[in-house]
Every structure is written in C-alpha cells, then in structure tokens.
Amino acid sequence: HHISVILENYAQSATPLDRLLSEYFRAHKSIGAHDRRAIGETLYGMVRWKTLIDHCSRSLHSLDRLSCYRALSLEVCAQDPTIPEPARLGINDFLYERLCQLFGLEKTREIGRILNQNAPTTIRANLLKTTPEHLMQLWEGKFEMKRCAKAPAGIQFKKREPLFTLPEFTAGLFEVQDEGSQLVAELVQSKPGEHVLDYCSGSGGKTLAFAPGMQGKGQIYLYDNRPWILIEARKRLRRAGIQNAQFVLPKQPVDW
C-alpha cells in the first residue's frame, strides 16, 4: 500500500524521490526502519528499471507495475533477446540511440549497466557556511563516509542515511548532490560580480554548488518552464543563505 501511494505522489509531484520519501516517512512514523529500507529499495529499483517494467507490464496484462517488478528477474531479462535492448538496459529509446551514436554499442551497454546500479549517497558541503572537513568531524563515529575522489566539497556515504532529518541539513550546511552534478557546477567557474543564467534550473542544485564562488556579488538567474519547481529552489537557496538570485518565470523577460 505505501509503495503504491508514494508512486502516485511521485508521478504528480516535482519533489525529488529522496525528499518525497523523507516527507512520507515523517508523516507515517509507525513504519519501522526495516520496512522503510525495503520500501526505499523497491521504489528506487522501479525508477531505475522503468523502461523494462513498462515493456514487461504491457506483455503481462494481468500485473500492475509493482507486481511486474517483483515478478521480474533482471538477470533473465538481460539475456532475453525478445526484449528490446534499451528496455533490457533500463534506458529509453532516445537515450539508447544517442549513446550508440556517440560511444558505440559496447560503451552504451556499459553505461546502461552503470546507470542502473545503486548510486552512492553523496552530499556537497555548503562552503558559504561550513567545510567538508568540519562536517566529517561532526559525524565521526556516526556515519561511514569518505571524501569524494574529485568533487572538492563532496562527501560520500557507504550506505543510505536519513540525512534530511539532521540539524545540519535544516541549518543549510549541506545538500544531497551526486558527485557528477557537483563537477558540472565546478565547470561554471562563477566569479564575484558576474551574471549567471542557470537555464532549466530545476530545484536549483547546481546554483547551490556554484553560488559560493560569487561571494554574494553579482546575480544568478534561475529559469525553468515549471514554475512549481522554482518554489522548491527558492526554499533551498534561502536555507543555504544565497541572496543574490532571481527567479525567471516562463515568458518573463530578464533585465540584463
């Protein structure tokens, strides 16, 4: 029941799945730790293998998507030539064709396998308020973690942790963000006094990462054609202490 409700909420919401899960569990405190872990693993698995589930659920008309996922053997499906290869890799047709054009078939298969592995839980320290060294000192003995290999403000956790319940999160000392996204934000190389457009900003994750380099000087413009997702971005920037940002709604001109 819980999984079906969360999936329905996720389909109608702009909130990332990890935040949605955290809010749901906060509202349903009777769900124990074991069940929370099982629910989380099932939901993330269904999101990763959406194209395969969609394909198989069309073939198995009697099963809904959740029942289909539970009935699937990913190892068997990976070897089944009757299933289109994009579905076997857990990616859609467009991405499959694009990756094949860019990297060739074997590399595309490798990328598909990597994309559908469990991603490590990674955070980015908010350098406007703290440092990764300070956060690791605060959490020493509480979590198993290490510094990211490439992202200078990143910390990687050995397993998924209830990070959104920590006081350090409420205080804006860190955000959950993949190391790859942190590295993309590093490429912006924003400097004090510049004007930067975060186009298709979503909830502002990359703005949160490159904003410290501007030291509160200059302006950041966040644009997205989904006004509701900018509401989440506004909350995140306020929590992080970023004040030099403006939100550009669709069809609203930017005064440069």
Protein backbone atom coordinates (compact mmCIF):
# COMPACT_ATOMS: atom_id res chain seq x y z
CA HIS A 1 0.00 0.00 0.00
CA HIS A 2 2.72 2.51 0.97
CA ILE A 3 4.67 1.91 -2.25
CA SER A 4 1.59 2.48 -4.42
CA VAL A 5 0.75 5.72 -2.61
CA ILE A 6 4.30 7.05 -2.87
CA LEU A 7 4.49 6.16 -6.59
CA GLU A 8 1.24 8.02 -7.22
CA ASN A 9 2.52 11.06 -5.30
CA TYR A 10 5.83 10.92 -7.17
CA ALA A 11 4.08 10.91 -10.55
CA GLN A 12 2.17 14.08 -9.61
CA SER A 13 4.97 15.92 -7.82
CA ALA A 14 8.07 17.89 -8.74
CA THR A 15 9.75 16.82 -5.50
CA PRO A 16 12.80 14.52 -5.86
CA LEU A 17 12.14 10.94 -4.77
CA ASP A 18 14.50 11.08 -1.77
CA ARG A 19 12.78 14.17 -0.39
CA LEU A 20 9.34 12.68 -1.09
CA LEU A 21 10.30 9.52 0.79
CA SER A 22 11.63 11.51 3.73
CA GLU A 23 8.44 13.58 3.97
CA TYR A 24 6.26 10.46 3.68
CA PHE A 25 8.13 8.61 6.42
CA ARG A 26 7.97 11.70 8.63
CA ALA A 27 4.19 11.70 8.23
CA HIS A 28 4.00 7.92 8.85
CA LYS A 29 6.22 7.41 11.88
CA SER A 30 4.72 3.97 12.57
CA ILE A 31 6.68 2.50 9.62
CA GLY A 32 9.72 0.72 11.10
CA ALA A 33 13.31 1.00 9.92
CA HIS A 34 13.28 -2.40 8.19
CA ASP A 35 10.11 -1.57 6.24
CA ARG A 36 11.45 1.88 5.33
CA ARG A 37 14.56 0.29 3.86
CA ALA A 38 12.51 -2.24 1.89
CA ILE A 39 10.16 0.45 0.58
CA GLY A 40 13.08 2.66 -0.45
CA GLU A 41 14.95 -0.12 -2.24
CA THR A 42 11.82 -1.17 -4.12
CA LEU A 43 10.96 2.37 -5.22
CA TYR A 44 14.48 3.20 -6.39
CA GLY A 45 14.61 -0.10 -8.26
CA MET A 46 11.34 0.66 -10.02
CA VAL A 47 12.53 4.12 -11.06
CA ARG A 48 15.84 2.76 -12.37
CA TRP A 49 14.19 -0.01 -14.38
CA LYS A 50 11.13 1.94 -15.53
CA THR A 51 11.55 1.17 -19.25
CA LEU A 52 11.91 -2.57 -18.59
CA ILE A 53 8.90 -2.61 -16.25
CA ASP A 54 6.80 -0.66 -18.76
CA HIS A 55 7.70 -3.12 -21.52
CA CYS A 56 7.01 -6.23 -19.41
CA SER A 57 3.82 -4.90 -17.84
CA ARG A 58 2.41 -4.42 -21.35
CA SER A 59 3.15 -8.10 -22.03
CA LEU A 60 1.80 -9.26 -18.66
CA HIS A 61 -1.58 -7.56 -18.78
CA SER A 62 -2.70 -9.11 -15.51
CA LEU A 63 0.09 -7.44 -13.49
CA ASP A 64 0.37 -3.83 -12.32
CA ARG A 65 3.83 -2.20 -12.41
CA LEU A 66 4.69 -3.08 -8.81
CA SER A 67 3.68 -6.73 -9.23
CA CYS A 68 5.56 -6.83 -12.52
CA TYR A 69 8.74 -5.52 -10.89
CA ARG A 70 8.51 -8.12 -8.13
CA ALA A 71 7.99 -10.88 -10.69
CA LEU A 72 10.93 -9.86 -12.87
CA SER A 73 14.36 -11.46 -12.82
CA LEU A 74 16.72 -8.75 -14.05
CA GLU A 75 19.39 -11.34 -14.83
CA VAL A 76 16.98 -13.34 -17.02
CA CYS A 77 15.66 -10.22 -18.74
CA ALA A 78 19.19 -9.05 -19.54
CA GLN A 79 19.70 -12.23 -21.61
CA ASP A 80 16.25 -12.30 -23.25
CA PRO A 81 16.58 -11.33 -26.95
CA THR A 82 12.81 -10.89 -27.28
CA ILE A 83 13.03 -7.78 -25.07
CA PRO A 84 14.29 -4.64 -26.88
CA GLU A 85 17.81 -3.82 -25.78
CA PRO A 86 17.01 -0.30 -24.47
CA ALA A 87 14.48 -1.86 -22.07
CA ARG A 88 16.99 -4.54 -21.02
CA LEU A 89 19.44 -1.75 -20.17
CA GLY A 90 16.82 0.28 -18.32
CA ILE A 91 17.07 3.31 -20.64
CA ASN A 92 14.66 4.78 -23.17
CA ASP A 93 14.93 4.52 -26.95
CA PHE A 94 16.10 8.12 -27.45
CA LEU A 95 18.96 7.84 -24.95
CA TYR A 96 19.96 4.42 -26.28
CA GLU A 97 20.21 5.69 -29.86
CA ARG A 98 22.05 8.84 -28.83
CA LEU A 99 24.57 6.95 -26.72
CA CYS A 100 25.17 4.46 -29.56
CA GLN A 101 25.87 7.35 -31.93
CA LEU A 102 28.31 8.95 -29.52
CA PHE A 103 30.06 5.95 -27.96
CA GLY A 104 29.17 2.78 -29.88
CA LEU A 105 27.20 -0.26 -28.79
CA GLU A 106 29.57 -1.79 -26.20
CA LYS A 107 30.12 1.50 -24.35
CA THR A 108 26.36 2.13 -24.40
CA ARG A 109 25.79 -1.24 -22.74
CA GLU A 110 28.39 -0.40 -20.10
CA ILE A 111 26.79 3.00 -19.44
CA GLY A 112 23.36 1.39 -19.14
CA ARG A 113 24.64 -1.08 -16.55
CA ILE A 114 26.34 1.69 -14.56
CA LEU A 115 23.27 3.94 -14.63
CA ASN A 116 21.17 1.19 -13.09
CA GLN A 117 23.46 0.35 -10.21
CA ASN A 118 22.75 1.79 -6.77
CA ALA A 119 24.18 5.30 -6.75
CA PRO A 120 26.24 6.18 -3.67
CA THR A 121 24.72 8.70 -1.29
CA THR A 122 26.70 11.89 -1.77
CA ILE A 123 26.43 15.36 -0.29
CA ARG A 124 28.03 18.71 -1.03
CA ALA A 125 29.12 20.86 1.89
CA ASN A 126 27.76 24.41 1.64
CA LEU A 127 31.01 26.37 1.55
CA LEU A 128 29.15 29.56 2.46
CA LYS A 129 28.57 28.07 5.92
CA THR A 130 30.98 25.20 6.55
CA THR A 131 33.60 22.85 5.10
CA PRO A 132 33.56 19.11 4.34
CA GLU A 133 36.27 18.64 6.99
CA HIS A 134 34.03 20.22 9.64
CA LEU A 135 31.04 18.06 8.68
CA MET A 136 33.13 14.90 8.82
CA GLN A 137 34.33 15.86 12.29
CA LEU A 138 30.72 16.36 13.42
CA TRP A 139 29.70 12.94 12.07
CA GLU A 140 32.78 10.97 13.07
CA GLY A 141 31.68 7.66 14.59
CA LYS A 142 28.08 8.22 13.46
CA PHE A 143 28.36 7.51 9.73
CA GLU A 144 30.75 5.60 7.47
CA MET A 145 31.91 8.15 4.91
CA LYS A 146 34.82 9.44 2.87
CA ARG A 147 35.74 12.49 0.83
CA CYS A 148 34.75 12.36 -2.84
CA ALA A 149 37.53 11.44 -5.23
CA LYS A 150 37.07 14.52 -7.46
CA ALA A 151 34.47 16.94 -6.10
CA PRO A 152 36.27 19.21 -3.60
CA ALA A 153 33.20 19.84 -1.40
CA GLY A 154 31.77 16.32 -1.65
CA ILE A 155 31.35 13.59 0.97
CA GLN A 156 30.25 10.07 0.05
CA PHE A 157 28.45 7.72 2.44
CA LYS A 158 28.83 3.95 2.48
CA LYS A 159 25.06 3.45 2.71
CA ARG A 160 21.88 5.50 2.52
CA GLU A 161 21.41 7.55 5.69
CA PRO A 162 18.47 9.68 7.00
CA LEU A 163 20.28 12.89 6.11
CA PHE A 164 17.22 15.13 5.76
CA THR A 165 16.44 14.68 9.46
CA LEU A 166 19.82 16.04 10.58
CA PRO A 167 20.02 19.51 12.17
CA GLU A 168 22.95 20.27 9.86
CA PHE A 169 20.60 19.92 6.88
CA THR A 170 17.99 22.20 8.44
CA ALA A 171 20.75 24.74 9.09
CA GLY A 172 21.74 24.65 5.41
CA LEU A 173 25.22 23.20 5.96
CA PHE A 174 24.90 20.69 3.11
CA GLU A 175 22.76 19.46 0.22
CA VAL A 176 22.42 15.95 -1.19
CA GLN A 177 24.01 16.06 -4.65
CA ASP A 178 25.71 13.49 -6.89
CA GLU A 179 29.42 13.98 -7.46
CA GLY A 180 28.82 14.32 -11.21
CA SER A 181 26.46 17.25 -10.70
CA GLN A 182 28.98 18.88 -8.37
CA LEU A 183 31.66 18.58 -11.05
CA VAL A 184 29.37 20.10 -13.71
CA ALA A 185 28.74 23.06 -11.40
CA GLU A 186 32.52 23.42 -10.94
CA LEU A 187 32.84 23.98 -14.70
CA VAL A 188 30.75 27.15 -14.43
CA GLN A 189 33.70 28.81 -12.63
CA SER A 190 31.47 31.66 -11.45
CA LYS A 191 33.21 34.76 -10.11
CA PRO A 192 32.12 37.67 -7.90
CA GLY A 193 30.19 40.33 -9.83
CA GLU A 194 29.19 38.10 -12.75
CA HIS A 195 25.68 37.50 -14.09
CA VAL A 196 24.98 33.77 -14.45
CA LEU A 197 21.91 32.12 -16.00
CA ASP A 198 21.00 28.68 -14.66
CA TYR A 199 18.81 27.63 -17.58
CA CYS A 200 16.44 24.70 -16.93
CA SER A 201 17.45 25.08 -13.29
CA GLY A 202 15.04 22.59 -11.74
CA SER A 203 15.18 22.96 -7.97
CA GLY A 204 18.49 24.82 -8.13
CA GLY A 205 21.01 22.13 -7.22
CA LYS A 206 23.80 23.42 -9.47
CA THR A 207 23.16 27.03 -8.46
CA LEU A 208 23.65 25.93 -4.86
CA ALA A 209 27.00 24.47 -5.88
CA PHE A 210 28.48 27.37 -7.87
CA ALA A 211 26.96 30.26 -5.90
CA PRO A 212 29.66 30.29 -3.17
CA GLY A 213 32.24 31.23 -5.81
CA MET A 214 30.38 34.51 -6.40
CA GLN A 215 30.70 35.51 -2.72
CA GLY A 216 27.25 37.11 -2.76
CA LYS A 217 28.23 39.55 -5.53
CA GLY A 218 26.62 39.67 -8.97
CA GLN A 219 23.36 37.94 -9.85
CA ILE A 220 22.18 34.41 -10.57
CA TYR A 221 19.05 33.94 -12.69
CA LEU A 222 17.19 30.64 -12.35
CA TYR A 223 14.91 29.77 -15.25
CA ASP A 224 12.63 26.76 -15.60
CA ASN A 225 9.39 26.27 -17.53
CA ARG A 226 7.91 24.55 -14.46
CA PRO A 227 7.02 27.36 -12.02
CA TRP A 228 6.24 24.89 -9.23
CA ILE A 229 9.79 23.52 -9.18
CA LEU A 230 11.15 27.04 -8.66
CA ILE A 231 9.23 27.12 -5.37
CA GLU A 232 11.44 24.28 -4.13
CA ALA A 233 14.51 26.10 -5.47
CA ARG A 234 13.56 29.22 -3.51
CA LYS A 235 13.35 27.19 -0.28
CA ARG A 236 16.72 25.56 -0.88
CA LEU A 237 18.50 28.83 -1.67
CA ARG A 238 17.00 30.50 1.39
CA ARG A 239 18.17 27.61 3.59
CA ALA A 240 21.67 27.82 2.08
CA GLY A 241 21.90 31.59 2.68
CA ILE A 242 22.13 32.56 -1.02
CA GLN A 243 20.61 36.02 -1.55
CA ASN A 244 21.94 37.12 -4.96
CA ALA A 245 19.47 35.07 -7.01
CA GLN A 246 16.38 35.89 -9.06
CA PHE A 247 13.71 33.54 -10.40
CA VAL A 248 12.69 33.92 -14.03
CA LEU A 249 9.28 32.53 -14.87
CA PRO A 250 8.36 31.41 -18.42
CA LYS A 251 7.83 34.36 -20.82
CA GLN A 252 9.17 36.77 -18.21
CA PRO A 253 11.93 38.92 -19.75
CA VAL A 254 15.26 39.21 -17.98
CA ASP A 255 16.55 42.75 -17.48
CA TRP A 256 20.28 42.35 -18.00
